C-alpha atoms as a PDB file:
ATOM      1  CA  MET A   1      -0.023  -0.164   0.068  1.00  0.00           C
ATOM      2  CA  SER A   2       1.536   3.454  -1.101  1.00  0.00           C
ATOM      3  CA  GLY A   3       2.279   5.894   1.582  1.00  0.00           C
ATOM      4  CA  GLU A   4      -0.355   8.343   0.337  1.00  0.00           C
ATOM      5  CA  LEU A   5      -3.300   6.077   0.220  1.00  0.00           C
ATOM      6  CA  TYR A   6      -2.314   4.647   3.892  1.00  0.00           C
ATOM      7  CA  TYR A   7      -2.120   8.361   5.071  1.00  0.00           C
ATOM      8  CA  PHE A   8      -5.832   8.850   3.610  1.00  0.00           C
ATOM      9  CA  LYS A   9      -7.162   5.500   5.063  1.00  0.00           C
ATOM     10  CA  GLU A  10      -5.916   6.644   8.820  1.00  0.00           C
ATOM     11  CA  LYS A  11      -7.517  10.078   8.331  1.00  0.00           C
ATOM     12  CA  LEU A  12     -10.637   8.301   7.182  1.00  0.00           C
ATOM     13  CA  VAL A  13     -10.529   6.010  10.203  1.00  0.00           C
ATOM     14  CA  ASN A  14      -9.712   8.793  12.627  1.00  0.00           C
ATOM     15  CA  LEU A  15     -12.869  11.008  11.591  1.00  0.00           C
ATOM     16  CA  ASN A  16     -14.687  12.543  14.323  1.00  0.00           C
ATOM     17  CA  ARG A  17     -18.462  11.792  14.243  1.00  0.00           C
ATOM     18  CA  LYS A  18     -19.160  15.608  14.324  1.00  0.00           C
ATOM     19  CA  TRP A  19     -17.125  16.025  10.957  1.00  0.00           C
ATOM     20  CA  VAL A  20     -18.898  13.412   9.173  1.00  0.00           C
ATOM     21  CA  ILE A  21     -22.701  14.701  10.413  1.00  0.00           C
ATOM     22  CA  LEU A  22     -21.436  18.216   9.333  1.00  0.00           C
ATOM     23  CA  GLY A  23     -20.168  16.621   5.863  1.00  0.00           C
ATOM     24  CA  GLY A  24     -23.522  15.002   5.476  1.00  0.00           C
ATOM     25  CA  CYS A  25     -25.358  18.184   5.921  1.00  0.00           C
ATOM     26  CA  ILE A  26     -23.295  20.051   3.448  1.00  0.00           C
ATOM     27  CA  LEU A  27     -23.766  17.267   0.963  1.00  0.00           C
ATOM     28  CA  PHE A  28     -27.605  17.483   1.694  1.00  0.00           C
ATOM     29  CA  LEU A  29     -27.869  21.171   1.173  1.00  0.00           C
ATOM     30  CA  VAL A  30     -26.158  20.882  -2.364  1.00  0.00           C
ATOM     31  CA  PHE A  31     -28.365  17.959  -3.217  1.00  0.00           C
ATOM     32  CA  VAL A  32     -31.437  20.199  -2.170  1.00  0.00           C
ATOM     33  CA  GLY A  33     -30.082  23.015  -4.066  1.00  0.00           C
ATOM     34  CA  LEU A  34     -29.857  21.184  -7.152  1.00  0.00           C
ATOM     35  CA  GLY A  35     -33.000  19.577  -6.890  1.00  0.00           C
ATOM     36  CA  TYR A  36     -34.683  22.869  -6.375  1.00  0.00           C
ATOM     37  CA  PHE A  37     -33.408  24.481  -9.551  1.00  0.00           C
ATOM     38  CA  GLY A  38     -34.235  21.186 -11.654  1.00  0.00           C
ATOM     39  CA  VAL A  39     -38.052  20.949 -10.237  1.00  0.00           C
ATOM     40  CA  PHE A  40     -38.815  24.666 -10.077  1.00  0.00           C
ATOM     41  CA  ARG A  41     -36.634  25.561 -13.442  1.00  0.00           C
ATOM     42  CA  PRO A  42     -38.255  27.916 -15.905  1.00  0.00           C
ATOM     43  CA  VAL A  43     -39.829  26.239 -18.896  1.00  0.00           C
ATOM     44  CA  ILE A  44     -40.279  28.277 -21.910  1.00  0.00           C
ATOM     45  CA  VAL A  45     -43.250  27.369 -24.326  1.00  0.00           C
ATOM     46  CA  LEU A  46     -44.650  28.420 -27.427  1.00  0.00           C
ATOM     47  CA  ASP A  47     -47.738  30.199 -27.394  1.00  0.00           C
ATOM     48  CA  THR A  48     -49.779  29.556 -30.478  1.00  0.00           C
ATOM     49  CA  ALA A  49     -52.814  31.402 -29.761  1.00  0.00           C
ATOM     50  CA  CYS A  50     -51.466  34.711 -30.888  1.00  0.00           C
ATOM     51  CA  GLN A  51     -51.489  35.401 -34.697  1.00  0.00           C
ATOM     52  CA  LYS A  52     -48.827  37.981 -35.344  1.00  0.00           C
ATOM     53  CA  GLY A  53     -45.309  37.644 -34.080  1.00  0.00           C
ATOM     54  CA  ILE A  54     -43.501  34.888 -32.025  1.00  0.00           C
ATOM     55  CA  TYR A  55     -45.122  34.883 -28.440  1.00  0.00           C
ATOM     56  CA  VAL A  56     -43.642  32.728 -25.259  1.00  0.00           C
ATOM     57  CA  LYS A  57     -44.884  31.873 -22.074  1.00  0.00           C
ATOM     58  CA  ASN A  58     -42.961  30.695 -18.903  1.00  0.00           C
ATOM     59  CA  LYS A  59     -44.470  27.682 -17.220  1.00  0.00           C
ATOM     60  CA  GLY A  60     -42.149  27.284 -14.762  1.00  0.00           C
ATOM     61  CA  GLY A  61     -41.732  28.202 -11.162  1.00  0.00           C
ATOM     62  CA  MET A  62     -38.614  30.619 -11.764  1.00  0.00           C
ATOM     63  CA  ASP A  63     -38.293  33.976 -13.840  1.00  0.00           C
ATOM     64  CA  ALA A  64     -36.042  33.304 -17.139  1.00  0.00           C
ATOM     65  CA  LEU A  65     -33.837  35.471 -18.981  1.00  0.00           C
ATOM     66  CA  ILE A  66     -33.371  34.632 -22.655  1.00  0.00           C
ATOM     67  CA  TYR A  67     -30.064  35.478 -23.917  1.00  0.00           C
ATOM     68  CA  LYS A  68     -29.771  33.994 -27.724  1.00  0.00           C
ATOM     69  CA  VAL A  69     -31.995  32.724 -30.145  1.00  0.00           C
ATOM     70  CA  ASP A  70     -30.644  30.637 -33.396  1.00  0.00           C
ATOM     71  CA  GLY A  71     -32.280  30.335 -36.306  1.00  0.00           C
ATOM     72  CA  PHE A  72     -32.229  27.439 -38.677  1.00  0.00           C
ATOM     73  CA  TRP A  73     -33.708  26.831 -42.295  1.00  0.00           C
ATOM     74  CA  TYR A  74     -34.510  23.542 -43.508  1.00  0.00           C
ATOM     75  CA  TRP A  75     -35.598  22.839 -47.158  1.00  0.00           C
ATOM     76  CA  ALA A  76     -35.231  19.916 -49.638  1.00  0.00           C
ATOM     77  CA  GLY A  77     -32.393  17.937 -47.521  1.00  0.00           C
ATOM     78  CA  GLN A  78     -30.493  21.415 -46.891  1.00  0.00           C
ATOM     79  CA  VAL A  79     -29.895  23.242 -43.726  1.00  0.00           C
ATOM     80  CA  ALA A  80     -29.051  26.816 -43.321  1.00  0.00           C
ATOM     81  CA  PHE A  81     -27.918  28.484 -39.981  1.00  0.00           C
ATOM     82  CA  LEU A  82     -29.099  32.318 -39.852  1.00  0.00           C
ATOM     83  CA  THR A  83     -25.835  33.972 -38.861  1.00  0.00           C
ATOM     84  CA  ASN A  84     -26.788  37.605 -38.012  1.00  0.00           C
ATOM     85  CA  MET A  85     -29.677  37.167 -35.647  1.00  0.00           C
ATOM     86  CA  PRO A  86     -29.362  40.316 -32.949  1.00  0.00           C
ATOM     87  CA  GLU A  87     -28.461  39.778 -29.459  1.00  0.00           C
ATOM     88  CA  ILE A  88     -31.139  39.442 -26.924  1.00  0.00           C
ATOM     89  CA  SER A  89     -31.862  39.999 -23.157  1.00  0.00           C
ATOM     90  CA  GLN A  90     -35.511  39.349 -22.527  1.00  0.00           C
ATOM     91  CA  ARG A  91     -36.863  38.484 -18.972  1.00  0.00           C
ATOM     92  CA  VAL A  92     -39.849  36.316 -18.850  1.00  0.00           C
ATOM     93  CA  GLU A  93     -41.521  36.077 -15.429  1.00  0.00           C
ATOM     94  CA  ALA A  94     -43.212  32.788 -14.466  1.00  0.00           C
ATOM     95  CA  GLY A  95     -46.699  32.482 -14.712  1.00  0.00           C
ATOM     96  CA  ALA A  96     -49.376  32.412 -17.663  1.00  0.00           C
ATOM     97  CA  ARG A  97     -48.811  35.762 -18.939  1.00  0.00           C
ATOM     98  CA  THR A  98     -47.490  35.771 -22.275  1.00  0.00           C
ATOM     99  CA  ALA A  99     -44.677  37.928 -23.997  1.00  0.00           C
ATOM    100  CA  LYS A 100     -43.548  38.932 -27.608  1.00  0.00           C
ATOM    101  CA  LEU A 101     -40.352  37.174 -28.352  1.00  0.00           C
ATOM    102  CA  HIS A 102     -37.858  40.245 -28.925  1.00  0.00           C
ATOM    103  CA  ILE A 103     -36.563  39.242 -32.287  1.00  0.00           C
ATOM    104  CA  PRO A 104     -36.845  41.152 -35.531  1.00  0.00           C
ATOM    105  CA  ASP A 105     -39.336  39.470 -37.624  1.00  0.00           C
ATOM    106  CA  ILE A 106     -37.879  36.464 -39.591  1.00  0.00           C
ATOM    107  CA  PRO A 107     -37.751  37.145 -43.481  1.00  0.00           C
ATOM    108  CA  VAL A 108     -39.629  34.757 -45.744  1.00  0.00           C
ATOM    109  CA  PRO A 109     -37.786  32.535 -48.084  1.00  0.00           C
ATOM    110  CA  VAL A 110     -37.574  33.882 -51.704  1.00  0.00           C
ATOM    111  CA  GLY A 111     -36.598  32.417 -54.946  1.00  0.00           C
ATOM    112  CA  SER A 112     -36.102  28.584 -56.179  1.00  0.00           C
ATOM    113  CA  ALA A 113     -35.729  27.591 -52.530  1.00  0.00           C
ATOM    114  CA  THR A 114     -39.695  27.788 -51.870  1.00  0.00           C
ATOM    115  CA  GLN A 115     -40.176  25.760 -55.358  1.00  0.00           C
ATOM    116  CA  GLN A 116     -38.534  22.764 -54.070  1.00  0.00           C
ATOM    117  CA  GLY A 117     -41.373  21.571 -51.529  1.00  0.00           C
ATOM    118  CA  ALA A 118     -41.961  22.157 -47.786  1.00  0.00           C
ATOM    119  CA  PHE A 119     -39.758  24.675 -45.955  1.00  0.00           C
ATOM    120  CA  PHE A 120     -39.310  24.553 -41.975  1.00  0.00           C
ATOM    121  CA  MET A 121     -37.631  26.875 -39.793  1.00  0.00           C
ATOM    122  CA  LYS A 122     -36.367  26.018 -35.960  1.00  0.00           C
ATOM    123  CA  LEU A 123     -35.466  28.931 -33.461  1.00  0.00           C
ATOM    124  CA  ALA A 124     -33.510  27.407 -30.274  1.00  0.00           C
ATOM    125  CA  VAL A 125     -34.144  29.638 -27.637  1.00  0.00           C
ATOM    126  CA  CYS A 126     -31.373  29.634 -24.959  1.00  0.00           C
ATOM    127  CA  TYR A 127     -32.267  30.773 -21.624  1.00  0.00           C
ATOM    128  CA  ARG A 128     -31.240  30.663 -18.098  1.00  0.00           C
ATOM    129  CA  VAL A 129     -32.399  31.500 -14.511  1.00  0.00           C
ATOM    130  CA  PRO A 130     -31.295  35.400 -13.879  1.00  0.00           C
ATOM    131  CA  ASP A 131     -28.416  36.196 -11.888  1.00  0.00           C
ATOM    132  CA  ILE A 132     -27.343  32.209 -12.024  1.00  0.00           C
ATOM    133  CA  LEU A 133     -24.787  31.589 -14.696  1.00  0.00           C
ATOM    134  CA  ILE A 134     -24.855  27.784 -14.190  1.00  0.00           C
ATOM    135  CA  PHE A 135     -28.213  26.456 -15.205  1.00  0.00           C
ATOM    136  CA  ARG A 136     -28.616  27.068 -18.884  1.00  0.00           C
ATOM    137  CA  TYR A 137     -31.582  25.624 -20.957  1.00  0.00           C
ATOM    138  CA  THR A 138     -32.696  25.387 -24.598  1.00  0.00           C
ATOM    139  CA  THR A 139     -35.887  24.918 -26.195  1.00  0.00           C
ATOM    140  CA  PRO A 140     -36.392  24.305 -29.793  1.00  0.00           C
ATOM    141  CA  PHE A 141     -39.374  26.010 -31.552  1.00  0.00           C
ATOM    142  CA  TYR A 142     -40.331  24.806 -35.016  1.00  0.00           C
ATOM    143  CA  PHE A 143     -42.314  26.633 -38.112  1.00  0.00           C
ATOM    144  CA  GLU A 144     -43.505  25.704 -41.504  1.00  0.00           C
ATOM    145  CA  TYR A 145     -43.653  28.492 -44.114  1.00  0.00           C
ATOM    146  CA  ASP A 146     -47.080  28.547 -45.433  1.00  0.00           C
ATOM    147  CA  SER A 147     -46.640  29.797 -48.963  1.00  0.00           C
ATOM    148  CA  ASN A 148     -50.193  30.828 -49.362  1.00  0.00           C
ATOM    149  CA  GLY A 149     -50.081  33.272 -46.489  1.00  0.00           C
ATOM    150  CA  LYS A 150     -46.692  34.227 -46.883  1.00  0.00           C
ATOM    151  CA  THR A 151     -46.060  33.567 -43.007  1.00  0.00           C
ATOM    152  CA  TRP A 152     -44.392  31.142 -40.500  1.00  0.00           C
ATOM    153  CA  MET A 153     -46.810  28.795 -38.989  1.00  0.00           C
ATOM    154  CA  PRO A 154     -46.026  26.840 -35.632  1.00  0.00           C
ATOM    155  CA  THR A 155     -45.541  23.023 -35.873  1.00  0.00           C
ATOM    156  CA  LYS A 156     -44.622  20.491 -33.703  1.00  0.00           C
ATOM    157  CA  ASN A 157     -41.370  19.131 -35.313  1.00  0.00           C
ATOM    158  CA  ILE A 158     -39.664  18.878 -38.725  1.00  0.00           C
ATOM    159  CA  PRO A 159     -40.240  15.692 -40.465  1.00  0.00           C
ATOM    160  CA  PRO A 160     -36.922  13.489 -40.841  1.00  0.00           C
ATOM    161  CA  ARG A 161     -36.946  13.600 -44.387  1.00  0.00           C
ATOM    162  CA  TYR A 162     -36.471  17.422 -44.476  1.00  0.00           C
ATOM    163  CA  ARG A 163     -33.800  17.290 -41.524  1.00  0.00           C
ATOM    164  CA  SER A 164     -30.310  17.316 -43.218  1.00  0.00           C
ATOM    165  CA  LEU A 165     -28.810  13.696 -42.401  1.00  0.00           C
ATOM    166  CA  GLY A 166     -30.940  14.098 -39.176  1.00  0.00           C
ATOM    167  CA  ASN A 167     -27.770  15.705 -37.268  1.00  0.00           C
ATOM    168  CA  LEU A 168     -27.041  19.478 -37.816  1.00  0.00           C
ATOM    169  CA  ALA A 169     -23.291  18.828 -37.176  1.00  0.00           C
ATOM    170  CA  MET A 170     -23.217  16.435 -39.994  1.00  0.00           C
ATOM    171  CA  GLY A 171     -25.587  18.059 -42.347  1.00  0.00           C
ATOM    172  CA  ASN A 172     -24.973  20.224 -45.427  1.00  0.00           C
ATOM    173  CA  ILE A 173     -24.819  23.603 -43.484  1.00  0.00           C
ATOM    174  CA  GLY A 174     -24.869  26.776 -45.288  1.00  0.00           C
ATOM    175  CA  GLU A 175     -24.938  30.006 -43.808  1.00  0.00           C
ATOM    176  CA  ILE A 176     -27.537  32.653 -44.809  1.00  0.00           C
ATOM    177  CA  GLU A 177     -27.145  36.459 -43.888  1.00  0.00           C
ATOM    178  CA  LEU A 178     -30.159  38.120 -43.892  1.00  0.00           C
ATOM    179  CA  ASN A 179     -31.201  41.851 -43.385  1.00  0.00           C
ATOM    180  CA  PHE A 180     -33.047  41.817 -39.903  1.00  0.00           C
ATOM    181  CA  ARG A 181     -34.754  45.100 -39.417  1.00  0.00           C
END
C-alpha cells in the first residue's frame, strides 16, 4: 500500500463523528439546491394562440432570461444557419402571461428554395435563471412556411426527411445572412 493511500485511510478512520455529520449536512444542502433548480426551473413554451409575431410563456416556477436565439432553415435536404440574428436579453416572468419574443421579423424565403417543396424553420431559444449562470436551458420551436399566407406557422416538429442527415453537425450546412430590421 502506498504512503499516500495509507495516510488517507488513517485520516478516514480517525474522523470525528461531528465532522461526518457536518459533511453529510453540507452534501444534503447541495443536493437540495440542485433539486430545487431542477424542479422549479423555468420552462419556456410557444404560445400559438397569438397570430402576429412569436409569443412565449414561462410555465416554470422561476423567472427566465432569454439570452440568445439561433435560427435554422430546412428545405429539400439542405439546412442553413441564420448568421446575424441580433443579441437578445429578455426577461420572462413565471406565470401564464405571454410575452412577445424580442427578435426581428424573420424574413420569408424567396426564389427557387420555396419551389423545392416544404420549407421549415427551427428557432433554438437559449435561456437561463437570472443572476445564476450555471443552469442554462435550450428549447426548440418549429415553424413551417405557409406559401399561401406568406407567413411562418408553428408546427410540432420537422419531418425527418427534411432534416439534413438528422444531425445538424453532419448535415450540409450553409450560412444565410439576412437583413433583419
